[in-house]
Amino acid sequence: IELWFNDYLLKKSPIDAGFPWINYSVIQFLHHSIDRKMKVLEFGAGGSSIFFLKRGVELFSIEHEKIWISEVKKRLAPVQLSKWSPNLVSSNNPKTNIPKPEDYLSPLKNIKNASLDVVLIDGRHRVESIKQSMSLIKGGGILILDNSDRVDYQEAFTLLTDWSLLNTSCITNASDFVTPAAIWIKPSFDK
């Protein structure tokens, strides 16, 4: 509640607060789960980028709007930015400003299989982002889907049926509404 009070009543945007624009249950989960040895992939840059980089992780971001990458760069020190690989994927469609899925996801070819500790999906083409990210996550790694209640994203629950699931729903950073988010943990297989 204190975080919400500070963010909402003081009118701090997620990027000014340095938090993902996601419900506070997920923020708390990440706060207790993240350490500086981790490799993180996020779909959608902004407050989440600041959150991760301030915690010293190696961060790979995919974003389709230049302003969010610029805003993050303004707010962090060079030492924090040195661990960031932002990938701006622009659209050729002036009507929607949304890149095609194959373009949006093309930076993933630069990530090794089973190398990521956390994937946060809060950008475009979310189900396709999940499909393309599953093999990139280590056993025991975390995948988070914001707005997991949306009908368009229900395929995610089928895709990740063998993963442990924690559904969250509470008030969202810098807002007065409740949103759900799903947190999955990839199974670890001992050989």
Protein backbone atom coordinates (compact mmCIF):
# COMPACT_ATOMS: atom_id res chain seq x y z
CA ILE A 1 0.00 0.00 0.00
CA GLU A 2 2.86 2.40 0.79
CA LEU A 3 4.32 1.94 -2.70
CA TRP A 4 0.94 2.60 -4.28
CA PHE A 5 0.41 5.65 -2.07
CA ASN A 6 3.74 7.12 -3.12
CA ASP A 7 3.28 6.32 -6.80
CA TYR A 8 -0.41 7.08 -7.24
CA LEU A 9 -0.99 10.00 -4.92
CA LEU A 10 2.30 11.66 -5.76
CA LYS A 11 1.45 11.06 -9.45
CA LYS A 12 4.69 9.24 -10.25
CA SER A 13 4.62 7.46 -13.58
CA PRO A 14 6.08 3.94 -13.66
CA ILE A 15 9.20 5.28 -15.35
CA ASP A 16 9.61 8.05 -12.73
CA ALA A 17 9.02 5.52 -9.93
CA GLY A 18 11.42 3.03 -11.53
CA PHE A 19 8.92 0.17 -11.42
CA PRO A 20 7.28 -2.01 -14.03
CA TRP A 21 3.74 -0.96 -14.90
CA ILE A 22 2.37 -4.19 -13.47
CA ASN A 23 0.57 -5.17 -10.30
CA TYR A 24 2.39 -4.80 -7.00
CA SER A 25 2.31 -8.55 -6.28
CA VAL A 26 4.59 -9.10 -9.26
CA ILE A 27 6.83 -6.18 -8.30
CA GLN A 28 7.25 -7.68 -4.81
CA PHE A 29 7.87 -11.13 -6.30
CA LEU A 30 10.57 -9.73 -8.58
CA HIS A 31 12.08 -7.64 -5.79
CA HIS A 32 12.66 -10.81 -3.77
CA SER A 33 13.67 -13.00 -6.74
CA ILE A 34 16.14 -10.84 -8.68
CA ASP A 35 19.88 -10.79 -8.11
CA ARG A 36 22.67 -9.17 -10.08
CA LYS A 37 23.90 -12.45 -11.59
CA MET A 38 20.67 -12.88 -13.54
CA LYS A 39 19.95 -12.44 -17.23
CA VAL A 40 16.57 -10.90 -17.98
CA LEU A 41 14.57 -10.40 -21.17
CA GLU A 42 11.74 -7.89 -21.25
CA PHE A 43 9.24 -7.21 -23.99
CA GLY A 44 8.39 -3.54 -23.51
CA ALA A 45 10.94 -1.11 -22.06
CA GLY A 46 10.36 1.68 -19.53
CA GLY A 47 9.93 1.53 -15.77
CA SER A 48 10.70 -2.19 -15.80
CA SER A 49 14.05 -1.49 -17.49
CA ILE A 50 14.98 0.92 -14.71
CA PHE A 51 13.82 -1.58 -12.08
CA PHE A 52 16.00 -4.37 -13.50
CA LEU A 53 19.05 -2.25 -14.28
CA LYS A 54 19.10 -0.68 -10.81
CA ARG A 55 19.34 -4.24 -9.48
CA GLY A 56 22.40 -4.91 -11.64
CA VAL A 57 21.04 -7.64 -13.93
CA GLU A 58 22.08 -8.14 -17.52
CA LEU A 59 19.03 -6.88 -19.42
CA PHE A 60 17.93 -7.50 -23.00
CA SER A 61 14.91 -5.40 -24.05
CA ILE A 62 12.66 -5.43 -27.09
CA GLU A 63 10.68 -2.22 -27.64
CA HIS A 64 8.82 -0.77 -30.63
CA GLU A 65 8.62 2.86 -29.47
CA LYS A 66 11.84 4.89 -29.37
CA ILE A 67 10.62 7.18 -26.57
CA TRP A 68 10.77 4.43 -23.92
CA ILE A 69 14.38 3.58 -24.67
CA SER A 70 15.25 7.30 -24.64
CA GLU A 71 13.49 7.84 -21.31
CA VAL A 72 15.38 4.99 -19.66
CA LYS A 73 18.70 6.30 -20.96
CA LYS A 74 17.97 9.72 -19.40
CA ARG A 75 17.40 8.24 -15.95
CA LEU A 76 20.30 5.86 -15.43
CA ALA A 77 24.04 6.14 -14.94
CA PRO A 78 26.43 4.83 -17.63
CA VAL A 79 27.49 1.96 -15.35
CA GLN A 80 23.87 0.76 -15.15
CA LEU A 81 23.30 1.24 -18.88
CA SER A 82 26.43 -0.82 -19.66
CA LYS A 83 24.46 -3.98 -18.76
CA TRP A 84 21.58 -3.12 -21.10
CA SER A 85 20.97 -4.33 -24.64
CA PRO A 86 17.98 -2.33 -25.90
CA ASN A 87 16.52 -3.44 -29.22
CA LEU A 88 14.28 -0.94 -31.00
CA VAL A 89 12.10 -2.70 -33.56
CA SER A 90 10.27 -0.07 -35.59
CA SER A 91 7.19 -0.63 -37.68
CA ASN A 92 6.79 -0.14 -41.40
CA ASN A 93 3.07 0.32 -40.85
CA PRO A 94 2.28 4.02 -40.23
CA LYS A 95 -1.36 3.22 -39.33
CA THR A 96 -0.65 0.98 -36.34
CA ASN A 97 3.01 1.70 -35.51
CA ILE A 98 3.20 -1.98 -34.52
CA PRO A 99 5.91 -4.13 -36.11
CA LYS A 100 5.09 -7.51 -37.63
CA PRO A 101 5.66 -10.43 -35.21
CA GLU A 102 8.65 -11.78 -37.17
CA ASP A 103 10.33 -8.35 -37.04
CA TYR A 104 9.46 -7.74 -33.39
CA LEU A 105 10.86 -11.10 -32.33
CA SER A 106 13.93 -11.10 -34.60
CA PRO A 107 16.34 -9.87 -31.85
CA LEU A 108 15.73 -13.16 -30.00
CA LYS A 109 18.16 -14.88 -32.42
CA ASN A 110 20.93 -13.20 -30.37
CA ILE A 111 19.98 -15.06 -27.17
CA LYS A 112 21.23 -18.57 -26.39
CA ASN A 113 18.84 -21.34 -25.42
CA ALA A 114 18.43 -21.91 -21.67
CA SER A 115 20.36 -18.72 -20.83
CA LEU A 116 17.67 -16.50 -19.27
CA ASP A 117 16.54 -16.35 -15.67
CA VAL A 118 13.51 -14.09 -16.15
CA VAL A 119 11.29 -13.10 -19.08
CA LEU A 120 8.75 -10.29 -18.59
CA ILE A 121 6.14 -10.05 -21.32
CA ASP A 122 4.43 -6.67 -21.36
CA GLY A 123 4.87 -5.67 -24.99
CA ARG A 124 3.45 -6.60 -28.38
CA HIS A 125 2.64 -10.04 -29.80
CA ARG A 126 2.52 -11.59 -26.33
CA VAL A 127 1.55 -15.17 -27.14
CA GLU A 128 4.12 -15.35 -29.94
CA SER A 129 6.66 -13.81 -27.52
CA ILE A 130 5.95 -16.65 -25.10
CA LYS A 131 6.32 -19.29 -27.81
CA GLN A 132 9.67 -17.86 -28.92
CA SER A 133 10.98 -17.37 -25.35
CA MET A 134 10.19 -20.71 -23.77
CA SER A 135 13.39 -22.43 -24.92
CA LEU A 136 15.49 -19.41 -23.93
CA ILE A 137 14.58 -19.76 -20.24
CA LYS A 138 16.67 -21.92 -17.89
CA GLY A 139 15.11 -24.70 -15.86
CA GLY A 140 13.73 -23.00 -12.75
CA GLY A 141 13.51 -19.70 -14.65
CA ILE A 142 10.56 -17.34 -14.52
CA LEU A 143 8.14 -16.14 -17.22
CA ILE A 144 5.71 -13.33 -16.39
CA LEU A 145 2.72 -12.30 -18.51
CA ASP A 146 1.05 -9.01 -17.68
CA ASN A 147 -2.69 -8.63 -18.28
CA SER A 148 -3.02 -12.42 -18.27
CA ASP A 149 -6.83 -12.21 -18.15
CA ARG A 150 -7.13 -10.95 -21.73
CA VAL A 151 -8.87 -13.41 -24.05
CA ASP A 152 -6.16 -12.95 -26.69
CA TYR A 153 -3.57 -14.36 -24.26
CA GLN A 154 -5.39 -17.50 -23.08
CA GLU A 155 -3.29 -19.75 -25.31
CA ALA A 156 -0.40 -19.02 -22.91
CA PHE A 157 -2.03 -21.20 -20.25
CA THR A 158 -2.12 -24.15 -22.68
CA LEU A 159 1.45 -23.58 -23.87
CA LEU A 160 2.77 -23.50 -20.29
CA THR A 161 0.60 -26.22 -18.79
CA ASP A 162 3.63 -28.15 -17.47
CA TRP A 163 5.11 -25.10 -15.75
CA SER A 164 4.24 -24.09 -12.17
CA LEU A 165 1.75 -21.23 -12.17
CA LEU A 166 1.13 -18.41 -9.73
CA ASN A 167 -1.78 -16.14 -10.66
CA THR A 168 -1.66 -12.66 -9.16
CA SER A 169 -4.20 -9.88 -9.12
CA CYS A 170 -3.98 -6.64 -7.20
CA ILE A 171 -3.73 -2.91 -7.67
CA THR A 172 -1.35 -1.84 -10.40
CA ASN A 173 1.55 0.53 -10.08
CA ALA A 174 0.60 4.20 -10.59
CA SER A 175 -3.08 3.48 -11.15
CA ASP A 176 -6.34 2.87 -9.35
CA PHE A 177 -7.26 -0.37 -11.08
CA VAL A 178 -6.58 -4.04 -10.44
CA THR A 179 -4.89 -6.16 -13.10
CA PRO A 180 -3.96 -9.82 -13.14
CA ALA A 181 -0.58 -11.17 -14.13
CA ALA A 182 0.60 -14.76 -14.37
CA ILE A 183 3.98 -15.98 -13.15
CA TRP A 184 5.22 -19.32 -14.45
CA ILE A 185 8.30 -21.24 -13.32
CA LYS A 186 9.90 -23.54 -15.86
CA PRO A 187 10.38 -27.11 -14.69
CA SER A 188 13.92 -28.22 -13.91
CA PHE A 189 14.76 -31.70 -15.04
CA ASP A 190 17.52 -33.52 -13.17
CA LYS A 191 19.48 -36.04 -15.20
